[in-house]
N, C-alpha and C. Protein backbone atom coordinates (compact mmCIF):
# COMPACT_ATOMS: atom_id res chain seq x y z
N UNK A 1 83.81 66.50 -29.19
CA UNK A 1 83.89 65.12 -29.77
C UNK A 1 83.72 65.07 -31.23
N UNK A 2 84.65 64.52 -31.79
CA UNK A 2 85.05 64.32 -33.24
C UNK A 2 83.83 63.91 -34.00
N UNK A 3 83.23 64.27 -34.91
CA UNK A 3 82.38 63.65 -35.86
C UNK A 3 82.70 62.64 -36.76
N UNK A 4 82.18 61.34 -36.41
CA UNK A 4 82.60 60.20 -37.36
C UNK A 4 82.53 60.21 -38.70
N UNK A 5 83.23 59.45 -39.81
CA UNK A 5 83.19 59.65 -41.29
C UNK A 5 81.86 58.94 -41.63
N UNK A 6 81.23 59.19 -42.82
CA UNK A 6 80.15 58.84 -43.48
C UNK A 6 79.94 57.36 -43.29
N UNK A 7 81.04 56.79 -43.77
CA UNK A 7 80.89 55.19 -43.57
C UNK A 7 80.73 54.69 -42.19
N UNK A 8 81.40 55.33 -41.39
CA UNK A 8 81.24 55.05 -39.98
C UNK A 8 79.89 55.20 -39.37
N UNK A 9 79.25 56.46 -39.54
CA UNK A 9 78.09 56.68 -39.01
C UNK A 9 77.05 55.75 -39.67
N UNK A 10 77.20 55.56 -41.10
CA UNK A 10 76.15 54.49 -41.37
C UNK A 10 76.33 52.80 -40.87
N UNK A 11 77.41 52.63 -40.53
CA UNK A 11 77.77 51.48 -39.84
C UNK A 11 77.01 51.14 -38.48
N UNK A 12 77.71 52.47 -37.84
CA UNK A 12 76.75 52.44 -36.34
C UNK A 12 75.32 52.67 -36.40
N UNK A 13 75.03 53.26 -37.57
CA UNK A 13 73.42 53.54 -37.53
C UNK A 13 72.94 52.28 -37.64
N UNK A 14 73.32 51.64 -38.77
CA UNK A 14 73.25 50.16 -39.30
C UNK A 14 72.97 49.57 -37.94
N UNK A 15 74.10 49.44 -37.08
CA UNK A 15 74.06 48.10 -35.93
C UNK A 15 72.82 48.64 -35.06
N UNK A 16 72.56 50.17 -34.55
CA UNK A 16 71.60 50.45 -33.49
C UNK A 16 70.40 50.03 -34.45
N UNK A 17 70.20 50.11 -35.62
CA UNK A 17 69.04 50.02 -36.20
C UNK A 17 68.71 48.57 -36.29
N UNK A 18 69.53 47.59 -36.70
CA UNK A 18 69.55 46.32 -36.89
C UNK A 18 68.94 45.84 -35.33
N UNK A 19 69.53 45.93 -34.19
CA UNK A 19 69.39 45.63 -32.97
C UNK A 19 68.06 45.95 -32.35
N UNK A 20 67.98 47.28 -32.55
CA UNK A 20 66.62 47.79 -32.29
C UNK A 20 65.30 47.24 -33.13
N UNK A 21 65.44 47.44 -34.55
CA UNK A 21 64.38 47.03 -35.22
C UNK A 21 64.25 45.31 -35.06
N UNK A 22 65.18 44.68 -34.63
CA UNK A 22 65.21 43.17 -34.74
C UNK A 22 64.37 42.79 -33.77
N UNK A 23 64.66 43.91 -32.30
CA UNK A 23 63.52 43.72 -31.16
C UNK A 23 62.17 43.81 -31.50
N UNK A 24 62.46 45.10 -31.76
CA UNK A 24 60.83 45.87 -32.39
C UNK A 24 60.08 44.82 -33.28
N UNK A 25 60.73 44.12 -34.51
CA UNK A 25 60.14 43.36 -35.28
C UNK A 25 59.21 41.77 -34.67
N UNK A 26 60.19 41.45 -33.77
CA UNK A 26 59.70 40.34 -32.80
C UNK A 26 58.63 40.87 -31.99
N UNK A 27 58.69 42.12 -31.51
CA UNK A 27 57.45 42.71 -30.50
C UNK A 27 56.44 42.73 -31.61
N UNK A 28 56.53 42.91 -32.62
CA UNK A 28 55.62 43.29 -33.84
C UNK A 28 54.67 42.04 -34.35
N UNK A 29 55.42 40.91 -34.26
CA UNK A 29 55.05 39.87 -34.59
C UNK A 29 54.19 39.26 -33.40
N UNK A 30 54.66 39.38 -32.63
CA UNK A 30 54.15 38.97 -30.97
C UNK A 30 52.68 39.70 -30.91
N UNK A 31 52.70 40.91 -30.83
CA UNK A 31 51.58 41.81 -30.60
C UNK A 31 50.58 41.55 -31.65
N UNK A 32 51.00 41.19 -32.93
CA UNK A 32 49.73 40.88 -33.71
C UNK A 32 49.46 39.35 -33.82
N UNK A 33 50.08 38.77 -33.60
CA UNK A 33 49.81 37.29 -32.98
C UNK A 33 49.04 37.28 -31.94
N UNK A 34 48.89 38.19 -31.09
CA UNK A 34 48.21 38.01 -30.09
C UNK A 34 46.49 38.70 -30.11
N UNK A 35 46.33 38.97 -31.63
CA UNK A 35 45.11 40.03 -32.16
C UNK A 35 45.33 41.54 -32.51
N UNK A 36 46.50 42.04 -31.92
CA UNK A 36 46.18 43.29 -31.98
C UNK A 36 46.17 43.97 -33.82
N UNK A 37 45.89 44.74 -33.92
CA UNK A 37 45.93 45.07 -35.49
C UNK A 37 47.36 45.30 -36.16
N UNK A 38 47.75 45.24 -37.18
CA UNK A 38 49.04 45.36 -37.77
C UNK A 38 49.57 46.99 -37.74
N UNK A 39 48.54 47.86 -37.77
CA UNK A 39 48.74 49.41 -37.75
C UNK A 39 48.97 49.96 -36.25
N UNK A 40 48.06 49.47 -35.28
CA UNK A 40 48.35 49.46 -34.08
C UNK A 40 49.33 49.25 -33.61
N UNK A 41 49.87 47.96 -33.78
CA UNK A 41 50.80 47.14 -33.21
C UNK A 41 52.55 48.00 -33.68
N UNK A 42 52.10 48.54 -35.12
CA UNK A 42 53.51 49.40 -35.63
C UNK A 42 53.46 50.40 -34.71
N UNK A 43 52.09 51.39 -34.74
CA UNK A 43 52.59 52.87 -34.04
C UNK A 43 53.06 52.71 -32.48
N UNK A 44 52.37 51.69 -32.09
CA UNK A 44 52.86 51.68 -30.51
C UNK A 44 54.40 51.09 -30.61
N UNK A 45 55.07 50.13 -31.13
CA UNK A 45 56.57 50.02 -31.60
C UNK A 45 57.35 51.16 -31.97
N UNK A 46 56.81 51.56 -32.75
CA UNK A 46 57.46 52.85 -33.72
C UNK A 46 57.80 53.73 -32.16
N UNK A 47 56.82 54.40 -31.41
CA UNK A 47 57.19 54.96 -30.34
C UNK A 47 58.03 54.72 -29.40
N UNK A 48 58.33 53.36 -29.29
CA UNK A 48 58.98 53.08 -28.31
C UNK A 48 60.49 52.84 -29.10
N UNK A 49 60.49 52.71 -30.38
CA UNK A 49 61.76 53.00 -31.35
C UNK A 49 62.24 54.14 -31.29
N UNK A 50 61.15 55.05 -31.25
CA UNK A 50 61.97 56.44 -31.22
C UNK A 50 62.60 56.80 -30.28
N UNK A 51 61.88 56.71 -29.04
CA UNK A 51 62.68 57.19 -27.54
C UNK A 51 64.12 56.19 -27.54
N UNK A 52 64.09 55.01 -27.75
CA UNK A 52 65.17 54.32 -27.02
C UNK A 52 66.24 54.55 -28.33
N UNK A 53 66.21 54.75 -29.37
CA UNK A 53 67.05 55.18 -30.33
C UNK A 53 67.86 56.37 -30.46
N UNK A 54 67.19 57.52 -29.76
CA UNK A 54 67.74 58.84 -29.76
C UNK A 54 68.89 58.68 -29.24
N UNK A 55 68.92 58.19 -28.31
CA UNK A 55 70.25 58.50 -27.20
C UNK A 55 71.45 57.57 -28.22
N UNK A 56 71.05 56.48 -28.52
CA UNK A 56 72.35 55.81 -29.14
C UNK A 56 72.71 56.11 -30.29
N UNK A 57 71.84 56.82 -31.18
CA UNK A 57 72.16 57.59 -32.43
C UNK A 57 72.75 58.88 -32.34
N UNK A 58 72.33 59.84 -31.40
CA UNK A 58 72.99 60.85 -30.82
C UNK A 58 74.64 61.16 -30.31
N UNK A 59 74.67 60.20 -29.43
CA UNK A 59 75.86 59.93 -28.84
C UNK A 59 76.61 59.09 -29.81
N UNK A 60 76.35 57.64 -30.17
CA UNK A 60 77.23 56.99 -30.75
C UNK A 60 77.26 57.04 -32.13
N UNK A 61 76.06 57.20 -33.01
CA UNK A 61 76.09 56.62 -34.24
C UNK A 61 76.58 57.91 -34.96
N UNK A 62 76.33 59.06 -34.64
CA UNK A 62 76.59 60.35 -35.45
C UNK A 62 77.43 61.50 -34.31
N UNK A 63 77.78 61.22 -33.13
CA UNK A 63 78.72 61.80 -32.17
C UNK A 63 78.09 63.28 -32.10
N UNK A 64 76.98 63.57 -31.97
CA UNK A 64 76.40 64.97 -31.98
C UNK A 64 76.54 65.65 -30.53
N UNK A 65 76.91 66.93 -30.79
CA UNK A 65 77.48 67.41 -29.35
C UNK A 65 76.43 68.61 -29.37
N UNK A 66 75.57 69.11 -30.19
CA UNK A 66 75.04 70.12 -30.27
C UNK A 66 73.77 70.30 -28.97
N UNK A 67 72.92 70.98 -29.29
CA UNK A 67 71.95 71.06 -28.36
C UNK A 67 70.79 69.90 -28.30
N UNK A 68 70.54 69.44 -27.36
CA UNK A 68 70.18 68.14 -26.95
C UNK A 68 68.29 68.47 -27.33
N UNK A 69 68.12 69.51 -27.33
CA UNK A 69 66.69 69.84 -27.36
C UNK A 69 66.11 70.11 -28.61
N UNK A 70 67.06 70.72 -29.33
CA UNK A 70 66.86 70.97 -30.87
C UNK A 70 66.89 69.62 -31.51
N UNK A 71 68.12 68.70 -31.24
CA UNK A 71 68.13 67.68 -32.02
C UNK A 71 67.04 66.74 -31.75
N UNK A 72 66.57 66.72 -30.68
CA UNK A 72 65.53 65.70 -29.99
C UNK A 72 63.89 66.22 -30.81
N UNK A 73 63.96 67.31 -30.99
CA UNK A 73 62.62 67.99 -31.61
C UNK A 73 62.91 67.69 -33.38
N UNK A 74 64.04 68.05 -33.66
CA UNK A 74 64.11 67.39 -35.09
C UNK A 74 64.17 65.96 -35.44
N UNK A 75 64.53 64.87 -34.47
CA UNK A 75 64.30 63.66 -34.45
C UNK A 75 62.97 63.06 -34.23
N UNK A 76 62.03 63.98 -33.56
CA UNK A 76 61.00 63.63 -33.49
C UNK A 76 59.95 63.71 -34.88
N UNK A 77 60.34 65.33 -35.35
CA UNK A 77 59.80 65.07 -36.83
C UNK A 77 60.11 64.36 -37.90
N UNK A 78 61.44 63.77 -37.78
CA UNK A 78 62.19 62.79 -38.68
C UNK A 78 61.20 61.73 -38.48
N UNK A 79 60.78 61.17 -37.33
CA UNK A 79 60.36 60.01 -37.07
C UNK A 79 59.11 60.14 -37.47
N UNK A 80 58.19 61.34 -37.11
CA UNK A 80 56.91 61.42 -37.78
C UNK A 80 56.58 61.36 -39.29
N UNK A 81 57.71 61.79 -39.69
CA UNK A 81 57.66 61.52 -41.09
C UNK A 81 58.01 60.29 -41.77
N UNK A 82 59.05 59.42 -40.96
CA UNK A 82 59.01 58.17 -41.33
C UNK A 82 57.75 57.21 -40.72
N UNK A 83 57.21 57.63 -39.82
CA UNK A 83 55.70 56.91 -39.32
C UNK A 83 54.93 57.15 -40.28
N UNK A 84 54.54 58.24 -40.85
CA UNK A 84 53.76 58.52 -41.97
C UNK A 84 54.01 57.68 -43.36
N UNK A 85 55.41 57.65 -43.67
CA UNK A 85 55.76 56.81 -44.67
C UNK A 85 55.62 55.31 -44.41
N UNK A 86 56.11 54.84 -43.19
CA UNK A 86 55.52 53.69 -43.10
C UNK A 86 53.97 53.23 -43.13
N UNK A 87 53.30 54.01 -42.39
CA UNK A 87 51.93 53.56 -42.30
C UNK A 87 51.18 53.66 -43.70
N UNK A 88 51.63 54.83 -44.77
CA UNK A 88 51.29 54.97 -46.10
C UNK A 88 51.69 53.27 -46.39
N UNK A 89 52.85 52.78 -46.44
CA UNK A 89 53.17 51.41 -46.99
C UNK A 89 52.57 50.41 -46.54
N UNK A 90 52.12 50.32 -45.24
CA UNK A 90 51.09 49.17 -45.01
C UNK A 90 49.86 49.37 -45.49
N UNK A 91 49.09 50.83 -45.79
CA UNK A 91 47.68 51.07 -46.13
C UNK A 91 47.58 50.92 -47.30
N UNK A 92 48.79 51.05 -48.36
CA UNK A 92 48.82 50.80 -49.76
C UNK A 92 48.79 49.28 -49.83
N UNK A 93 49.92 48.51 -49.52
CA UNK A 93 50.27 47.37 -49.95
C UNK A 93 49.59 46.36 -49.20
N UNK A 94 49.00 46.24 -47.77
CA UNK A 94 48.37 45.52 -47.25
C UNK A 94 46.72 45.91 -47.18
N UNK A 95 46.26 47.01 -46.97
CA UNK A 95 44.76 47.33 -46.94
C UNK A 95 44.40 47.37 -48.61
N UNK A 96 44.96 47.67 -49.53
CA UNK A 96 44.65 47.91 -50.99
C UNK A 96 44.91 46.91 -51.68
N UNK A 97 46.41 46.47 -51.50
CA UNK A 97 46.81 45.27 -52.70
C UNK A 97 46.53 44.05 -51.71
N UNK A 98 46.31 44.04 -50.82
CA UNK A 98 46.08 42.53 -50.12
C UNK A 98 47.59 41.75 -49.87
N UNK A 99 48.44 42.65 -49.91
CA UNK A 99 49.89 41.83 -49.56
C UNK A 99 49.78 41.67 -47.73
N UNK A 100 50.61 40.47 -47.53
CA UNK A 100 50.50 40.06 -46.26
C UNK A 100 51.26 40.98 -45.67
N UNK A 101 50.96 41.33 -44.17
CA UNK A 101 51.52 42.45 -43.33
C UNK A 101 52.74 42.54 -43.07
N UNK A 102 53.24 40.77 -42.74
CA UNK A 102 54.48 40.80 -42.28
C UNK A 102 55.71 41.04 -43.23
N UNK A 103 55.41 40.54 -44.87
CA UNK A 103 56.51 40.96 -45.70
C UNK A 103 56.34 42.64 -45.93
N UNK A 104 55.41 43.11 -45.78
CA UNK A 104 55.35 44.51 -46.14
C UNK A 104 56.10 45.31 -44.87
N UNK A 105 55.80 45.29 -43.74
CA UNK A 105 56.26 45.67 -42.57
C UNK A 105 57.96 45.41 -42.51
N UNK A 106 58.55 43.95 -42.95
CA UNK A 106 59.70 43.67 -43.24
C UNK A 106 60.61 44.97 -44.28
N UNK A 107 59.85 45.00 -45.30
CA UNK A 107 60.52 45.85 -46.22
C UNK A 107 60.48 47.27 -45.92
N UNK A 108 59.29 47.64 -44.95
CA UNK A 108 59.06 49.21 -44.80
C UNK A 108 60.34 49.43 -43.91
N UNK A 109 60.79 48.48 -43.11
CA UNK A 109 61.78 48.64 -42.35
C UNK A 109 63.16 49.43 -42.78
N UNK A 110 63.44 48.56 -43.96
CA UNK A 110 64.54 49.27 -44.75
C UNK A 110 64.46 50.33 -45.27
N UNK A 111 63.54 50.68 -45.94
CA UNK A 111 63.02 51.67 -46.91
C UNK A 111 62.84 53.24 -45.72
N UNK A 112 62.04 53.02 -44.63
CA UNK A 112 62.26 53.97 -43.51
C UNK A 112 63.78 54.21 -43.05
N UNK A 113 64.19 53.47 -42.85
CA UNK A 113 65.80 53.24 -42.24
C UNK A 113 66.51 54.35 -43.02
N UNK A 114 66.72 53.62 -44.39
CA UNK A 114 67.41 54.33 -45.35
C UNK A 114 67.10 56.21 -45.12
N UNK A 115 65.77 56.33 -45.24
CA UNK A 115 65.41 57.94 -45.12
C UNK A 115 65.49 58.43 -44.08
N UNK A 116 65.34 57.71 -42.93
CA UNK A 116 65.64 58.33 -41.63
C UNK A 116 67.59 58.77 -41.69
N UNK A 117 68.18 57.79 -42.16
CA UNK A 117 69.73 58.09 -42.08
C UNK A 117 69.95 59.30 -42.62
N UNK A 118 69.35 59.73 -43.72
CA UNK A 118 69.81 60.82 -44.48
C UNK A 118 69.04 62.04 -43.75
N UNK A 119 68.01 62.24 -42.88
CA UNK A 119 67.75 63.09 -42.46
C UNK A 119 68.31 63.06 -41.09
N UNK A 120 68.86 62.33 -40.73
CA UNK A 120 69.89 62.26 -39.37
C UNK A 120 70.91 63.18 -39.68
N UNK A 121 71.68 62.63 -40.79
CA UNK A 121 72.88 62.97 -41.05
C UNK A 121 73.11 64.36 -41.49
N UNK A 122 71.71 65.07 -42.15
CA UNK A 122 71.87 66.19 -42.87
C UNK A 122 71.03 67.14 -42.30
N UNK A 123 70.23 66.55 -41.54
CA UNK A 123 69.44 67.48 -40.90
C UNK A 123 69.21 67.50 -39.11
N UNK A 124 68.98 66.47 -38.72
CA UNK A 124 68.94 66.28 -37.34
C UNK A 124 70.23 66.15 -36.46
N UNK A 125 71.35 65.84 -36.94
CA UNK A 125 72.52 65.65 -36.14
C UNK A 125 73.53 66.58 -37.19
N UNK A 126 73.14 67.16 -37.66
CA UNK A 126 74.07 68.08 -38.71
C UNK A 126 75.21 68.75 -37.88
N UNK A 127 76.21 68.87 -38.24
CA UNK A 127 77.28 69.58 -37.36
C UNK A 127 76.68 71.05 -36.74
N UNK A 128 77.05 71.59 -35.86
CA UNK A 128 76.96 73.14 -35.57
C UNK A 128 77.64 73.98 -36.52
N UNK A 129 77.19 75.30 -36.94
CA UNK A 129 77.66 76.13 -37.60
C UNK A 129 79.13 76.20 -37.19
N UNK A 130 80.23 76.49 -38.09
CA UNK A 130 81.64 76.52 -37.94
C UNK A 130 82.06 75.49 -37.47
N UNK A 131 81.63 74.18 -37.32
CA UNK A 131 82.46 73.04 -37.24
C UNK A 131 82.40 72.23 -38.78
N UNK A 132 83.78 71.75 -39.00
CA UNK A 132 83.86 71.03 -40.00
C UNK A 132 83.12 69.92 -40.05
N UNK A 133 82.68 69.44 -41.06
CA UNK A 133 82.00 68.16 -41.49
C UNK A 133 82.70 67.45 -42.22
N UNK A 134 82.93 65.97 -41.47
CA UNK A 134 83.83 64.82 -42.23
C UNK A 134 83.22 64.11 -43.03
N UNK A 135 83.79 63.74 -44.35
CA UNK A 135 83.04 63.22 -45.52
C UNK A 135 82.96 61.94 -45.16
């Protein structure tokens, strides 16, 4: 399978992310409206997002044909990093600076997504040794 160019990967990753994060953000708003804490709601939905997005990003966004187990392990590590970043943003901006959690979580989606795109392209789904990388 030929690896898509950078702009194609970015557009596909963005589409997967837009659909996934849109649905997850609505779930976040629903869970917090029902009384679940903002950090607990984000944690639950983060796990759902990791699992469901792996398949789409691996096969469609990055057209990765390397070892699934290695890619999934790296994917989980990348998302743990993204989770810690997201949690730190909520902790700092909501708990310390008293900003509205809805706004902070909305902004965090974009910062975490950009960070994860770079990790996915250059580490998680990087081409196997000996394969030419498309720019």
